Amino acid sequence: MGFFRKQQERMAIRLLGWQYQRMNAAVPPVDQLEAQAVKLVDDAHRIAVERGKNVMVILKDLVEDIKKR
């Protein structure tokens, strides 16, 4: 796995943890956060290819969507 991909996954984990804390929800175990982060990064890359947006902006949007669920 590439350096940038790993960095994006780490950022997604931090964003997810922050979002759970902000919602006063229990933060899932690290392995579940990592799985969610991998899925978010995959989705962000797919959306970036389709729409030509920045992956980090898309990640932030996807994490915000978790709040609405």
Protein backbone atom coordinates (compact mmCIF):
# COMPACT_ATOMS: atom_id res chain seq x y z
CA MET A 1 0.00 0.00 0.00
CA GLY A 2 1.27 3.44 -0.88
CA PHE A 3 2.42 6.13 1.50
CA PHE A 4 -0.36 8.58 0.59
CA ARG A 5 -3.05 5.93 0.87
CA LYS A 6 -1.84 5.01 4.37
CA GLN A 7 -1.85 8.69 5.35
CA GLN A 8 -5.41 9.08 4.07
CA GLU A 9 -6.52 6.07 6.10
CA ARG A 10 -4.88 7.49 9.24
CA MET A 11 -6.60 10.81 8.66
CA ALA A 12 -9.92 9.03 8.17
CA ILE A 13 -9.44 7.18 11.47
CA ARG A 14 -8.82 10.48 13.27
CA LEU A 15 -11.84 12.08 11.60
CA LEU A 16 -14.05 9.13 12.52
CA GLY A 17 -12.87 9.14 16.13
CA TRP A 18 -13.46 12.87 16.37
CA GLN A 19 -16.93 12.54 14.86
CA TYR A 20 -17.92 9.77 17.31
CA GLN A 21 -16.71 11.89 20.24
CA ARG A 22 -18.56 14.91 18.92
CA MET A 23 -21.78 12.88 18.77
CA ASN A 24 -21.14 11.61 22.34
CA ALA A 25 -21.18 8.07 20.98
CA ALA A 26 -18.91 5.24 22.03
CA VAL A 27 -15.84 5.07 19.81
CA PRO A 28 -15.62 1.59 18.24
CA PRO A 29 -12.50 -0.55 18.71
CA VAL A 30 -9.49 0.34 16.58
CA ASP A 31 -9.95 -2.60 14.20
CA GLN A 32 -13.51 -1.45 13.39
CA LEU A 33 -12.32 2.14 12.93
CA GLU A 34 -9.63 0.89 10.55
CA ALA A 35 -12.19 -1.07 8.53
CA GLN A 36 -14.46 1.98 8.33
CA ALA A 37 -11.49 4.14 7.32
CA VAL A 38 -10.51 1.75 4.51
CA LYS A 39 -14.08 1.82 3.19
CA LEU A 40 -14.23 5.62 3.42
CA VAL A 41 -10.95 6.04 1.56
CA ASP A 42 -12.08 3.57 -1.12
CA ASP A 43 -15.35 5.51 -1.51
CA ALA A 44 -13.48 8.82 -1.57
CA HIS A 45 -11.15 7.62 -4.33
CA ARG A 46 -14.07 6.32 -6.38
CA ILE A 47 -15.92 9.64 -6.00
CA ALA A 48 -12.75 11.60 -6.80
CA VAL A 49 -12.37 9.73 -10.08
CA GLU A 50 -16.02 10.32 -10.97
CA ARG A 51 -16.21 13.99 -9.98
CA GLY A 52 -12.62 15.19 -10.02
CA LYS A 53 -12.64 16.40 -6.41
CA ASN A 54 -9.92 16.31 -3.75
CA VAL A 55 -9.87 13.06 -1.75
CA MET A 56 -9.50 14.82 1.62
CA VAL A 57 -12.52 17.04 0.97
CA ILE A 58 -14.54 13.97 0.05
CA LEU A 59 -13.38 12.14 3.20
CA LYS A 60 -14.54 15.03 5.37
CA ASP A 61 -17.91 15.02 3.61
CA LEU A 62 -18.29 11.26 4.06
CA VAL A 63 -17.48 11.49 7.78
CA GLU A 64 -20.06 14.27 8.16
CA ASP A 65 -22.60 11.96 6.53
CA ILE A 66 -22.05 9.47 9.34
CA LYS A 67 -23.45 12.06 11.73
CA LYS A 68 -26.70 12.20 9.74
CA ARG A 69 -27.29 8.43 9.88
